Amino acid sequence: MHYRLSLAALTVLELDPPTMVTCAAEAGFDHVGLRLIPSTASEPHWPTIGQTPLIKETKRRLEEHGIAPWDIETLRLKPDTDVKRDFEPFLATGAFLGARHIVVAGNDPDPRRLADNLAALADIAGEYGLTPNLEFMPWTDVRDLASAAKVCAAAGHDNLGILVDSIHLDRSLSDPAQIAELPATWFHYVQLCDATAERPSDTETLLHQARIDRRLPGEGDLDVLAPLRHLPRDLVISVEAPLELPQPARAEERASRAHEATLRTLALLG
């Protein structure tokens, strides 16, 4: 089985989007993920909303290398979110680049409002050829797979999905077998990485591991193939594995290592 691989932005987050495209293509990836909205104050901030010079150069690189953007990130659904006002410029930028999917975080303790906003996002995203994917993360209001399933069911929209990430699946104590009980149409791609076996007991360490201290697939202690045994075999695999090293390798080297490690791991899938 040949899986298409996408280089997630977090794996090489120090790069600007055009360089990230080139890095993904030269490392052998079929797709690339682009972070148009920063998730933290400490990460690089680029002028990436609208047809800015940087975005136009990103599109030129995509065409030059013949690589397609897979997803764009990150949208956060909060209590005060106005979907059209807050997100339409982001959606228009993603459509200009030719992206297919959106990473969405649920940061609203009201599940009904969260579901309504997800449905509203699914509506307007569909007009731009994009599909929102709700990513469950233990420190958010959508902390596990079961919570994400409840929100998606309540949203009741055809144009949405759930994004499974190896480390969040493990740290949230979610059972991979639950994936098979959910609609297959909810799963458009999966994020793959590895991690140490010990689960953090505090949020600070949980965030640290998730954001900058993962492992490449097959180089940690997780059963990274567990979700793939319950997911459709034609999914794109986004490799999201930021590494914390004493002497970090160049982004291009890390991307190549990520591609090679993922292929080795996937070869073990029966």
Protein backbone atom coordinates (compact mmCIF):
# COMPACT_ATOMS: atom_id res chain seq x y z
CA MET A 1 0.00 0.00 0.00
CA HIS A 2 1.42 3.36 -1.05
CA TYR A 3 0.55 6.18 1.31
CA ARG A 4 0.91 9.78 0.27
CA LEU A 5 2.98 11.72 2.78
CA SER A 6 2.70 15.35 3.80
CA LEU A 7 5.32 17.33 5.72
CA ALA A 8 3.53 19.07 8.59
CA ALA A 9 4.54 22.65 9.31
CA LEU A 10 5.44 21.92 12.93
CA THR A 11 8.24 19.56 11.87
CA VAL A 12 10.19 22.43 10.28
CA LEU A 13 8.46 25.42 11.82
CA GLU A 14 11.48 27.73 11.63
CA LEU A 15 11.14 27.89 7.84
CA ASP A 16 9.01 30.45 6.05
CA PRO A 17 6.24 28.96 3.87
CA PRO A 18 8.06 29.12 0.49
CA THR A 19 11.16 27.47 1.95
CA MET A 20 8.95 24.91 3.66
CA VAL A 21 7.48 23.98 0.27
CA THR A 22 10.94 23.48 -1.23
CA CYS A 23 12.05 21.50 1.82
CA ALA A 24 9.06 19.14 1.56
CA ALA A 25 9.52 18.59 -2.16
CA GLU A 26 13.25 17.91 -1.93
CA ALA A 27 12.73 15.47 0.95
CA GLY A 28 10.33 13.43 -1.18
CA PHE A 29 6.98 14.41 0.32
CA ASP A 30 3.85 14.43 -1.84
CA HIS A 31 2.26 17.31 0.07
CA VAL A 32 3.08 20.04 2.55
CA GLY A 33 1.15 21.56 5.44
CA LEU A 34 1.32 25.32 6.00
CA ARG A 35 0.75 27.23 9.21
CA LEU A 36 -0.90 30.49 8.20
CA ILE A 37 -1.91 31.47 11.74
CA PRO A 38 0.68 30.98 14.53
CA SER A 39 -0.35 28.83 17.47
CA THR A 40 2.00 30.46 19.99
CA ALA A 41 3.61 33.85 20.53
CA SER A 42 7.12 32.35 20.45
CA GLU A 43 7.00 30.81 16.97
CA PRO A 44 7.80 32.70 13.75
CA HIS A 45 5.11 35.07 12.50
CA TRP A 46 4.96 35.58 8.73
CA PRO A 47 2.66 37.80 6.60
CA THR A 48 0.54 34.88 5.43
CA ILE A 49 -3.05 36.10 5.24
CA GLY A 50 -4.14 37.45 1.87
CA GLN A 51 -2.20 37.48 -1.38
CA THR A 52 0.92 38.93 0.22
CA PRO A 53 4.28 38.72 -1.57
CA LEU A 54 5.20 35.77 0.68
CA ILE A 55 1.99 33.92 -0.19
CA LYS A 56 2.48 34.58 -3.90
CA GLU A 57 6.00 33.20 -3.66
CA THR A 58 4.65 30.18 -1.80
CA LYS A 59 2.20 29.51 -4.62
CA ARG A 60 5.00 29.90 -7.18
CA ARG A 61 7.12 27.34 -5.31
CA LEU A 62 4.20 24.93 -5.12
CA GLU A 63 3.78 25.14 -8.88
CA GLU A 64 7.53 24.96 -9.50
CA HIS A 65 7.97 21.78 -7.47
CA GLY A 66 4.67 20.20 -8.49
CA ILE A 67 3.69 19.70 -4.87
CA ALA A 68 0.20 20.31 -3.49
CA PRO A 69 -0.56 21.87 -0.10
CA TRP A 70 -2.60 19.43 1.96
CA ASP A 71 -3.68 21.39 5.02
CA ILE A 72 -3.50 24.85 6.54
CA GLU A 73 -3.58 25.72 10.22
CA THR A 74 -4.57 26.67 12.87
CA LEU A 75 -8.11 27.87 13.50
CA ARG A 76 -9.33 28.03 17.09
CA LEU A 77 -13.03 27.93 17.83
CA LYS A 78 -13.50 30.10 20.93
CA PRO A 79 -16.54 31.43 22.81
CA ASP A 80 -16.34 34.77 20.97
CA THR A 81 -15.59 33.35 17.50
CA ASP A 82 -17.41 34.90 14.57
CA VAL A 83 -16.63 32.39 11.84
CA LYS A 84 -17.13 34.57 8.77
CA ARG A 85 -15.54 37.70 10.24
CA ASP A 86 -12.59 35.93 11.84
CA PHE A 87 -11.79 33.22 9.33
CA GLU A 88 -12.82 34.15 5.80
CA PRO A 89 -9.49 35.84 4.87
CA PHE A 90 -7.69 32.68 6.07
CA LEU A 91 -10.00 30.48 4.00
CA ALA A 92 -9.52 32.64 0.91
CA THR A 93 -5.74 32.39 1.32
CA GLY A 94 -5.92 28.62 1.63
CA ALA A 95 -8.06 28.39 -1.49
CA PHE A 96 -5.59 30.59 -3.40
CA LEU A 97 -2.80 28.18 -2.47
CA GLY A 98 -4.87 25.14 -3.40
CA ALA A 99 -5.09 23.58 0.07
CA ARG A 100 -7.64 20.88 0.86
CA HIS A 101 -8.00 20.75 4.64
CA ILE A 102 -7.96 22.91 7.77
CA VAL A 103 -6.70 22.03 11.25
CA VAL A 104 -9.22 23.19 13.86
CA ALA A 105 -8.84 23.33 17.65
CA GLY A 106 -11.79 23.41 20.02
CA ASN A 107 -11.24 26.06 22.68
CA ASP A 108 -14.81 26.54 23.87
CA PRO A 109 -16.21 24.88 27.01
CA ASP A 110 -19.77 25.11 25.64
CA PRO A 111 -20.18 22.00 23.44
CA ARG A 112 -23.33 23.25 21.72
CA ARG A 113 -21.77 26.57 20.72
CA LEU A 114 -18.62 24.76 19.64
CA ALA A 115 -20.65 22.40 17.43
CA ASP A 116 -22.61 25.30 15.94
CA ASN A 117 -19.43 27.18 15.10
CA LEU A 118 -17.88 24.05 13.59
CA ALA A 119 -20.96 23.63 11.39
CA ALA A 120 -20.79 27.30 10.37
CA LEU A 121 -17.10 26.87 9.52
CA ALA A 122 -17.89 23.74 7.51
CA ASP A 123 -20.43 25.72 5.52
CA ILE A 124 -18.21 28.62 4.56
CA ALA A 125 -15.08 26.46 4.17
CA GLY A 126 -16.95 24.36 1.64
CA GLU A 127 -17.41 27.43 -0.52
CA TYR A 128 -13.61 27.63 -0.72
CA GLY A 129 -13.09 23.92 -1.38
CA LEU A 130 -11.78 23.29 2.13
CA THR A 131 -12.75 20.85 4.87
CA PRO A 132 -12.27 21.59 8.60
CA ASN A 133 -10.81 18.78 10.70
CA LEU A 134 -11.27 18.94 14.47
CA GLU A 135 -8.08 17.91 16.25
CA PHE A 136 -8.51 16.62 19.78
CA MET A 137 -5.74 17.59 22.21
CA PRO A 138 -5.70 16.82 25.96
CA TRP A 139 -5.28 20.46 27.04
CA THR A 140 -8.20 21.80 24.96
CA ASP A 141 -11.95 21.56 25.44
CA VAL A 142 -11.92 18.71 22.92
CA ARG A 143 -9.51 16.57 24.88
CA ASP A 144 -9.98 13.09 23.37
CA LEU A 145 -11.42 11.11 20.48
CA ALA A 146 -14.78 10.59 22.18
CA SER A 147 -15.17 14.35 22.74
CA ALA A 148 -14.33 15.10 19.11
CA ALA A 149 -16.88 12.53 17.95
CA LYS A 150 -19.60 14.14 20.08
CA VAL A 151 -18.87 17.60 18.68
CA CYS A 152 -18.86 16.37 15.07
CA ALA A 153 -22.08 14.43 15.58
CA ALA A 154 -23.73 17.51 17.10
CA ALA A 155 -22.49 19.70 14.23
CA GLY A 156 -24.23 17.34 11.82
CA HIS A 157 -22.42 18.53 8.70
CA ASP A 158 -21.03 16.53 5.80
CA ASN A 159 -18.00 18.79 5.29
CA LEU A 160 -15.98 18.10 8.42
CA GLY A 161 -13.69 15.54 9.97
CA ILE A 162 -11.64 14.44 12.96
CA LEU A 163 -7.87 14.68 12.90
CA VAL A 164 -6.07 11.91 14.78
CA ASP A 165 -2.51 12.66 15.93
CA SER A 166 -0.37 9.83 17.33
CA ILE A 167 0.79 11.68 20.42
CA HIS A 168 -2.62 13.14 21.29
CA LEU A 169 -4.27 9.75 20.82
CA ASP A 170 -1.89 8.27 23.38
CA ARG A 171 -1.75 11.18 25.84
CA SER A 172 -5.56 11.50 25.91
CA LEU A 173 -5.91 7.78 26.71
CA SER A 174 -8.13 7.36 23.66
CA ASP A 175 -8.68 3.83 22.39
CA PRO A 176 -7.63 3.46 18.73
CA ALA A 177 -10.31 0.81 18.30
CA GLN A 178 -12.95 3.54 18.78
CA ILE A 179 -11.98 4.88 15.35
CA ALA A 180 -13.66 1.91 13.66
CA GLU A 181 -16.94 2.73 15.42
CA LEU A 182 -17.11 6.19 13.82
CA PRO A 183 -18.07 7.17 10.26
CA ALA A 184 -15.14 6.56 7.91
CA THR A 185 -16.05 9.81 6.13
CA TRP A 186 -14.90 11.73 9.21
CA PHE A 187 -11.27 10.77 8.62
CA HIS A 188 -9.42 12.51 5.80
CA TYR A 189 -5.83 12.20 7.01
CA VAL A 190 -3.81 11.35 10.09
CA GLN A 191 -0.83 12.95 11.81
CA LEU A 192 1.99 10.54 12.59
CA CYS A 193 4.82 10.87 15.10
CA ASP A 194 6.34 8.94 17.98
CA ALA A 195 7.03 9.81 21.61
CA THR A 196 8.40 8.51 24.88
CA ALA A 197 6.24 6.02 26.74
CA GLU A 198 5.86 8.00 29.96
CA ARG A 199 2.82 10.25 29.87
CA PRO A 200 3.29 13.73 31.38
CA SER A 201 1.41 14.43 34.61
CA ASP A 202 1.24 18.19 34.11
CA THR A 203 0.04 20.42 31.29
CA GLU A 204 3.35 22.26 30.90
CA THR A 205 5.23 19.07 30.07
CA LEU A 206 2.37 17.84 27.91
CA LEU A 207 2.56 21.03 25.83
CA HIS A 208 6.36 20.91 25.70
CA GLN A 209 6.37 17.38 24.32
CA ALA A 210 3.62 18.07 21.81
CA ARG A 211 5.16 21.26 20.47
CA ILE A 212 8.91 20.64 20.42
CA ASP A 213 9.88 17.23 21.80
CA ARG A 214 8.40 14.35 19.81
CA ARG A 215 10.15 11.47 18.05
CA LEU A 216 10.18 10.35 14.44
CA PRO A 217 7.86 7.45 13.64
CA GLY A 218 9.41 4.20 14.83
CA GLU A 219 12.02 5.94 16.99
CA GLY A 220 9.99 6.18 20.18
CA ASP A 221 7.81 3.96 22.35
CA LEU A 222 4.31 4.41 20.91
CA ASP A 223 2.43 1.97 18.72
CA VAL A 224 2.23 4.58 15.97
CA LEU A 225 0.57 2.15 13.58
CA ALA A 226 -2.37 1.58 15.95
CA PRO A 227 -4.68 4.23 14.41
CA LEU A 228 -3.80 3.15 10.87
CA ARG A 229 -5.14 -0.34 11.59
CA HIS A 230 -8.60 1.21 12.01
CA LEU A 231 -8.48 3.93 9.35
CA PRO A 232 -9.07 3.76 5.59
CA ARG A 233 -5.89 2.76 3.75
CA ASP A 234 -6.01 5.64 1.25
CA LEU A 235 -5.46 8.45 3.76
CA VAL A 236 -2.72 11.03 3.47
CA ILE A 237 -0.24 10.79 6.35
CA SER A 238 1.00 14.09 7.72
CA VAL A 239 4.32 13.66 9.51
CA GLU A 240 4.27 16.03 12.47
CA ALA A 241 7.40 15.36 14.51
CA PRO A 242 9.16 18.40 15.97
CA LEU A 243 12.42 17.30 17.55
CA GLU A 244 14.27 18.73 20.51
CA LEU A 245 17.94 17.96 20.11
CA PRO A 246 21.12 19.25 21.81
CA GLN A 247 22.34 20.29 18.36
CA PRO A 248 19.31 20.46 16.10
CA ALA A 249 19.91 19.29 12.56
CA ARG A 250 19.06 21.55 9.65
CA ALA A 251 15.40 21.55 8.71
CA GLU A 252 16.17 19.89 5.39
CA GLU A 253 17.96 17.03 7.13
CA ARG A 254 15.15 16.59 9.65
CA ALA A 255 12.58 16.50 6.85
CA SER A 256 14.52 13.80 4.99
CA ARG A 257 14.90 11.77 8.16
CA ALA A 258 11.18 12.14 8.86
CA HIS A 259 10.31 10.90 5.36
CA GLU A 260 12.65 7.90 5.61
CA ALA A 261 11.53 6.97 9.14
CA THR A 262 7.88 7.11 8.14
CA LEU A 263 8.39 4.85 5.15
CA ARG A 264 10.28 2.33 7.30
CA THR A 265 7.48 2.33 9.84
CA LEU A 266 4.70 2.01 7.28
CA ALA A 267 6.47 -1.00 5.77
CA LEU A 268 5.67 -2.83 9.03
CA LEU A 269 1.94 -2.34 8.62
CA GLY A 270 0.34 -5.70 7.89
